[in-house]
Amino acid sequence: DFLAVLMRAAGVQRGQVFVDVGSGCGRTTLGAAALYPSLGKCTGVEFLPELVKMSNGYRGKVKGRKASTDFVSGDFTDPAVQSRLFGKADIVFASATYFNKNELEVALEDTLKVGSKVIMVDQRLR
């Protein structure tokens, strides 16, 4: 599984906070929570409220042990969202196929704590 390989490379530790930027319907966030139930928290942030609602509906459908998950509606370019989510993140995941150039880098550069890891996928593989 592609996510498992990326998470292993990030060196996931017990209690760490995972943030999925542009979480869509929540597959990556829930996948991380299921793969690493020892994570402290997994949060998906999504711009489209309909997808946040869908993601929250899927939370109870993932069977077995998993880390605490939450899905929030927000724009990652908003400073309030940045300070609330990125300042606590140990691992940030972004499938940046639809972001504007450098938008995520600008949002993260002043808010991530030292030692945080960013996993970015910038093109869909065919």
Foldseek 3Di string as FASTA:
>chain_A
DVLVVVVVVLVDDFAAEEEEEQCFLPPSQQVQFVVCVRHQEGEYEHQDPVSQVNNVVCNVVDDDRTHHYHYYYDDLLDLVCLQVRQLRHQEYEYAQQPPDPCSVVVSNVPRHDPNRYYHYRHDDDD
